[in-house]
Amino acid sequence: MEVLNYNEFKVTQEMLASKSKRFVNFLVDRILFNLVFYAIGVLIVLIGELFGSDDMLKFLEGLENISTITDYLITNGIYTIFYFTLESLSQKTIGKLITNTKVVLENGEKPSPETIIIRSLCRMIPFDAFSFLGAIPRGWHDTISKTYVVDSKIFDEQKQAFENYQ
């Protein structure tokens, strides 16, 4: 039998972001990531043009012939950096900013950079994007990293009430 400690704040199911908010987060972040990814390609071409070098263009053309595994690793490596940067700085991505959600630990604290890198790397697991569609809207990248995506308004109200009660 689990002993409840009323002196510790804990994320509850009612604080969790809904499946629809999680889906919007995913959709917005994926679209933004694709825009950033393609902007990097355009930037590489522009730099090559600016310096009169065909090497940059040849580099990009060479990427068309890489293996599926290499493509997967490069794309997901950049995807990991994208998520790690945003979530480690602010606990939010652009999608989470729009839906007013954020990433927290079970005790409500901000996750460490180490936890965020684990969370970001777990997004490379095939079908992870669909894993939050279960009964409880927590994906594999949430459960493995022991993080929660919460509705900021509900979370902040509950945390404030807890702190006032203490």
C-alpha atoms as a PDB file:
ATOM      1  CA  MET A   1       0.000   0.000   0.000  1.00  0.00           C
ATOM      2  CA  GLU A   2       1.372   3.391  -1.016  1.00  0.00           C
ATOM      3  CA  VAL A   3       1.695   5.922   1.764  1.00  0.00           C
ATOM      4  CA  LEU A   4       0.634   9.370   0.657  1.00  0.00           C
ATOM      5  CA  ASN A   5       2.876  12.233   1.628  1.00  0.00           C
ATOM      6  CA  TYR A   6       0.805  15.382   1.705  1.00  0.00           C
ATOM      7  CA  ASN A   7       3.944  17.494   2.059  1.00  0.00           C
ATOM      8  CA  GLU A   8       5.006  16.716  -1.523  1.00  0.00           C
ATOM      9  CA  PHE A   9       3.415  18.228  -4.583  1.00  0.00           C
ATOM     10  CA  LYS A  10       2.600  15.692  -7.307  1.00  0.00           C
ATOM     11  CA  VAL A  11       1.242  16.031 -10.821  1.00  0.00           C
ATOM     12  CA  THR A  12      -2.247  14.542 -10.989  1.00  0.00           C
ATOM     13  CA  GLN A  13      -4.197  13.223 -13.947  1.00  0.00           C
ATOM     14  CA  GLU A  14      -6.450  16.282 -13.995  1.00  0.00           C
ATOM     15  CA  MET A  15      -3.397  18.478 -14.678  1.00  0.00           C
ATOM     16  CA  LEU A  16      -2.306  16.503 -17.752  1.00  0.00           C
ATOM     17  CA  ALA A  17      -2.708  18.117 -21.145  1.00  0.00           C
ATOM     18  CA  SER A  18      -5.552  16.605 -23.147  1.00  0.00           C
ATOM     19  CA  LYS A  19      -5.018  14.366 -26.167  1.00  0.00           C
ATOM     20  CA  SER A  20      -6.245  17.160 -28.441  1.00  0.00           C
ATOM     21  CA  LYS A  21      -3.706  19.616 -27.006  1.00  0.00           C
ATOM     22  CA  ARG A  22      -0.981  16.994 -27.354  1.00  0.00           C
ATOM     23  CA  PHE A  23      -1.969  16.479 -30.985  1.00  0.00           C
ATOM     24  CA  VAL A  24      -1.902  20.236 -31.674  1.00  0.00           C
ATOM     25  CA  ASN A  25       1.524  20.405 -29.990  1.00  0.00           C
ATOM     26  CA  PHE A  26       2.803  17.646 -32.259  1.00  0.00           C
ATOM     27  CA  LEU A  27       1.293  19.156 -35.411  1.00  0.00           C
ATOM     28  CA  VAL A  28       2.517  22.716 -34.794  1.00  0.00           C
ATOM     29  CA  ASP A  29       5.991  21.565 -33.742  1.00  0.00           C
ATOM     30  CA  ARG A  30       6.321  19.211 -36.724  1.00  0.00           C
ATOM     31  CA  ILE A  31       5.309  21.960 -39.177  1.00  0.00           C
ATOM     32  CA  LEU A  32       7.687  24.424 -37.521  1.00  0.00           C
ATOM     33  CA  PHE A  33      10.480  21.844 -37.510  1.00  0.00           C
ATOM     34  CA  ASN A  34       9.993  21.196 -41.238  1.00  0.00           C
ATOM     35  CA  LEU A  35      10.106  24.936 -41.937  1.00  0.00           C
ATOM     36  CA  VAL A  36      13.321  25.285 -39.921  1.00  0.00           C
ATOM     37  CA  PHE A  37      14.794  22.197 -41.606  1.00  0.00           C
ATOM     38  CA  TYR A  38      14.089  23.557 -45.091  1.00  0.00           C
ATOM     39  CA  ALA A  39      15.239  27.049 -44.087  1.00  0.00           C
ATOM     40  CA  ILE A  40      18.603  25.525 -43.146  1.00  0.00           C
ATOM     41  CA  GLY A  41      18.829  24.083 -46.661  1.00  0.00           C
ATOM     42  CA  VAL A  42      17.994  27.449 -48.219  1.00  0.00           C
ATOM     43  CA  LEU A  43      20.537  29.132 -45.966  1.00  0.00           C
ATOM     44  CA  ILE A  44      23.230  26.670 -47.074  1.00  0.00           C
ATOM     45  CA  VAL A  45      22.467  27.456 -50.730  1.00  0.00           C
ATOM     46  CA  LEU A  46      22.469  31.228 -50.076  1.00  0.00           C
ATOM     47  CA  ILE A  47      25.812  31.043 -48.270  1.00  0.00           C
ATOM     48  CA  GLY A  48      27.226  29.063 -51.185  1.00  0.00           C
ATOM     49  CA  GLU A  49      25.917  31.656 -53.642  1.00  0.00           C
ATOM     50  CA  LEU A  50      27.236  34.524 -51.526  1.00  0.00           C
ATOM     51  CA  PHE A  51      30.746  33.081 -51.526  1.00  0.00           C
ATOM     52  CA  GLY A  52      30.540  31.850 -55.104  1.00  0.00           C
ATOM     53  CA  SER A  53      31.006  28.232 -54.101  1.00  0.00           C
ATOM     54  CA  ASP A  54      29.262  25.269 -55.658  1.00  0.00           C
ATOM     55  CA  ASP A  55      30.424  23.062 -52.782  1.00  0.00           C
ATOM     56  CA  MET A  56      27.371  23.842 -50.660  1.00  0.00           C
ATOM     57  CA  LEU A  57      24.985  22.980 -53.474  1.00  0.00           C
ATOM     58  CA  LYS A  58      26.935  19.793 -54.212  1.00  0.00           C
ATOM     59  CA  PHE A  59      26.699  18.908 -50.518  1.00  0.00           C
ATOM     60  CA  LEU A  60      22.911  19.254 -50.584  1.00  0.00           C
ATOM     61  CA  GLU A  61      22.649  17.299 -53.826  1.00  0.00           C
ATOM     62  CA  GLY A  62      24.752  14.560 -52.251  1.00  0.00           C
ATOM     63  CA  LEU A  63      22.217  14.279 -49.436  1.00  0.00           C
ATOM     64  CA  GLU A  64      19.669  13.001 -51.972  1.00  0.00           C
ATOM     65  CA  ASN A  65      21.729   9.810 -52.340  1.00  0.00           C
ATOM     66  CA  ILE A  66      22.189   8.925 -48.674  1.00  0.00           C
ATOM     67  CA  SER A  67      20.732   5.757 -47.205  1.00  0.00           C
ATOM     68  CA  THR A  68      17.386   5.711 -45.436  1.00  0.00           C
ATOM     69  CA  ILE A  69      19.096   4.980 -42.125  1.00  0.00           C
ATOM     70  CA  THR A  70      21.513   7.898 -42.516  1.00  0.00           C
ATOM     71  CA  ASP A  71      18.624  10.178 -43.484  1.00  0.00           C
ATOM     72  CA  TYR A  72      16.666   8.992 -40.437  1.00  0.00           C
ATOM     73  CA  LEU A  73      19.619   9.624 -38.126  1.00  0.00           C
ATOM     74  CA  ILE A  74      20.418  13.080 -39.526  1.00  0.00           C
ATOM     75  CA  THR A  75      16.800  14.236 -39.517  1.00  0.00           C
ATOM     76  CA  ASN A  76      16.110  12.871 -36.051  1.00  0.00           C
ATOM     77  CA  GLY A  77      19.382  14.261 -34.743  1.00  0.00           C
ATOM     78  CA  ILE A  78      18.277  17.735 -35.804  1.00  0.00           C
ATOM     79  CA  TYR A  79      14.775  16.997 -34.435  1.00  0.00           C
ATOM     80  CA  THR A  80      16.346  16.068 -31.081  1.00  0.00           C
ATOM     81  CA  ILE A  81      18.346  19.306 -31.000  1.00  0.00           C
ATOM     82  CA  PHE A  82      15.192  21.273 -31.908  1.00  0.00           C
ATOM     83  CA  TYR A  83      13.180  19.802 -29.007  1.00  0.00           C
ATOM     84  CA  PHE A  84      16.074  19.815 -26.548  1.00  0.00           C
ATOM     85  CA  THR A  85      16.813  23.488 -27.158  1.00  0.00           C
ATOM     86  CA  LEU A  86      13.225  24.663 -26.755  1.00  0.00           C
ATOM     87  CA  GLU A  87      12.195  22.457 -23.827  1.00  0.00           C
ATOM     88  CA  SER A  88      15.406  22.863 -21.842  1.00  0.00           C
ATOM     89  CA  LEU A  89      15.206  26.649 -22.092  1.00  0.00           C
ATOM     90  CA  SER A  90      11.515  27.185 -21.395  1.00  0.00           C
ATOM     91  CA  GLN A  91       9.792  23.835 -20.745  1.00  0.00           C
ATOM     92  CA  LYS A  92       7.814  24.622 -23.895  1.00  0.00           C
ATOM     93  CA  THR A  93       7.905  24.255 -27.633  1.00  0.00           C
ATOM     94  CA  ILE A  94       5.986  26.566 -29.954  1.00  0.00           C
ATOM     95  CA  GLY A  95       3.107  24.067 -29.927  1.00  0.00           C
ATOM     96  CA  LYS A  96       3.083  24.059 -26.133  1.00  0.00           C
ATOM     97  CA  LEU A  97       3.211  27.845 -26.114  1.00  0.00           C
ATOM     98  CA  ILE A  98       0.086  27.954 -28.318  1.00  0.00           C
ATOM     99  CA  THR A  99      -1.810  25.367 -26.236  1.00  0.00           C
ATOM    100  CA  ASN A 100      -0.578  26.749 -22.886  1.00  0.00           C
ATOM    101  CA  THR A 101       1.068  23.494 -21.831  1.00  0.00           C
ATOM    102  CA  LYS A 102       4.535  22.716 -20.477  1.00  0.00           C
ATOM    103  CA  VAL A 103       6.843  19.872 -19.478  1.00  0.00           C
ATOM    104  CA  VAL A 104       7.372  19.178 -15.772  1.00  0.00           C
ATOM    105  CA  LEU A 105       8.639  16.447 -13.477  1.00  0.00           C
ATOM    106  CA  GLU A 106       6.235  14.509 -11.250  1.00  0.00           C
ATOM    107  CA  ASN A 107       6.971  16.929  -8.388  1.00  0.00           C
ATOM    108  CA  GLY A 108       6.156  19.901 -10.622  1.00  0.00           C
ATOM    109  CA  GLU A 109       9.737  21.067 -11.006  1.00  0.00           C
ATOM    110  CA  LYS A 110      11.479  21.988 -14.239  1.00  0.00           C
ATOM    111  CA  PRO A 111      13.223  18.971 -15.790  1.00  0.00           C
ATOM    112  CA  SER A 112      17.013  19.009 -15.916  1.00  0.00           C
ATOM    113  CA  PRO A 113      18.818  19.215 -19.274  1.00  0.00           C
ATOM    114  CA  GLU A 114      19.721  15.524 -18.849  1.00  0.00           C
ATOM    115  CA  THR A 115      16.035  14.611 -18.505  1.00  0.00           C
ATOM    116  CA  ILE A 116      15.118  16.756 -21.512  1.00  0.00           C
ATOM    117  CA  ILE A 117      17.788  15.104 -23.685  1.00  0.00           C
ATOM    118  CA  ILE A 118      16.401  11.672 -22.732  1.00  0.00           C
ATOM    119  CA  ARG A 119      12.904  12.921 -23.544  1.00  0.00           C
ATOM    120  CA  SER A 120      14.101  14.349 -26.868  1.00  0.00           C
ATOM    121  CA  LEU A 121      16.018  11.207 -27.848  1.00  0.00           C
ATOM    122  CA  CYS A 122      12.983   9.044 -27.063  1.00  0.00           C
ATOM    123  CA  ARG A 123      11.103  10.845 -29.843  1.00  0.00           C
ATOM    124  CA  MET A 124      13.258   8.802 -32.235  1.00  0.00           C
ATOM    125  CA  ILE A 125      11.395   5.649 -31.183  1.00  0.00           C
ATOM    126  CA  PRO A 126       9.219   4.608 -34.134  1.00  0.00           C
ATOM    127  CA  PHE A 127       5.536   5.431 -33.573  1.00  0.00           C
ATOM    128  CA  ASP A 128       6.303   7.454 -30.439  1.00  0.00           C
ATOM    129  CA  ALA A 129       4.098  10.247 -31.808  1.00  0.00           C
ATOM    130  CA  PHE A 130       1.080   7.965 -31.444  1.00  0.00           C
ATOM    131  CA  SER A 131       1.962   6.573 -28.023  1.00  0.00           C
ATOM    132  CA  PHE A 132       0.120   9.330 -26.128  1.00  0.00           C
ATOM    133  CA  LEU A 133      -3.214   8.246 -27.622  1.00  0.00           C
ATOM    134  CA  GLY A 134      -3.769   5.659 -24.869  1.00  0.00           C
ATOM    135  CA  ALA A 135      -6.163   6.031 -21.946  1.00  0.00           C
ATOM    136  CA  ILE A 136      -3.802   8.446 -20.209  1.00  0.00           C
ATOM    137  CA  PRO A 137      -2.302  11.009 -22.604  1.00  0.00           C
ATOM    138  CA  ARG A 138       1.369  10.258 -21.872  1.00  0.00           C
ATOM    139  CA  GLY A 139       3.685   9.191 -24.633  1.00  0.00           C
ATOM    140  CA  TRP A 140       6.685   6.925 -24.434  1.00  0.00           C
ATOM    141  CA  HIS A 141       8.951   9.982 -24.413  1.00  0.00           C
ATOM    142  CA  ASP A 142       7.025  11.111 -21.295  1.00  0.00           C
ATOM    143  CA  THR A 143       7.040   7.808 -19.412  1.00  0.00           C
ATOM    144  CA  ILE A 144      10.655   6.890 -20.191  1.00  0.00           C
ATOM    145  CA  SER A 145      11.929  10.339 -19.156  1.00  0.00           C
ATOM    146  CA  LYS A 146       9.506  10.483 -16.193  1.00  0.00           C
ATOM    147  CA  THR A 147       8.075  13.794 -17.383  1.00  0.00           C
ATOM    148  CA  TYR A 148       4.551  15.104 -17.766  1.00  0.00           C
ATOM    149  CA  VAL A 149       2.972  17.560 -20.182  1.00  0.00           C
ATOM    150  CA  VAL A 150       0.500  19.571 -18.162  1.00  0.00           C
ATOM    151  CA  ASP A 151      -2.076  22.233 -18.839  1.00  0.00           C
ATOM    152  CA  SER A 152      -0.232  25.288 -17.469  1.00  0.00           C
ATOM    153  CA  LYS A 153      -3.343  27.018 -16.114  1.00  0.00           C
ATOM    154  CA  ILE A 154      -4.619  23.997 -14.167  1.00  0.00           C
ATOM    155  CA  PHE A 155      -1.096  23.073 -13.049  1.00  0.00           C
ATOM    156  CA  ASP A 156      -0.278  26.587 -11.815  1.00  0.00           C
ATOM    157  CA  GLU A 157      -3.607  26.851  -9.947  1.00  0.00           C
ATOM    158  CA  GLN A 158      -3.093  23.463  -8.269  1.00  0.00           C
ATOM    159  CA  LYS A 159       0.525  24.192  -7.389  1.00  0.00           C
ATOM    160  CA  GLN A 160      -0.379  27.600  -5.956  1.00  0.00           C
ATOM    161  CA  ALA A 161      -3.178  26.045  -3.892  1.00  0.00           C
ATOM    162  CA  PHE A 162      -0.763  23.388  -2.610  1.00  0.00           C
ATOM    163  CA  GLU A 163       1.860  25.984  -1.672  1.00  0.00           C
ATOM    164  CA  ASN A 164      -0.761  28.165   0.060  1.00  0.00           C
ATOM    165  CA  TYR A 165      -1.959  25.151   2.025  1.00  0.00           C
ATOM    166  CA  GLN A 166       1.561  24.383   3.244  1.00  0.00           C
END
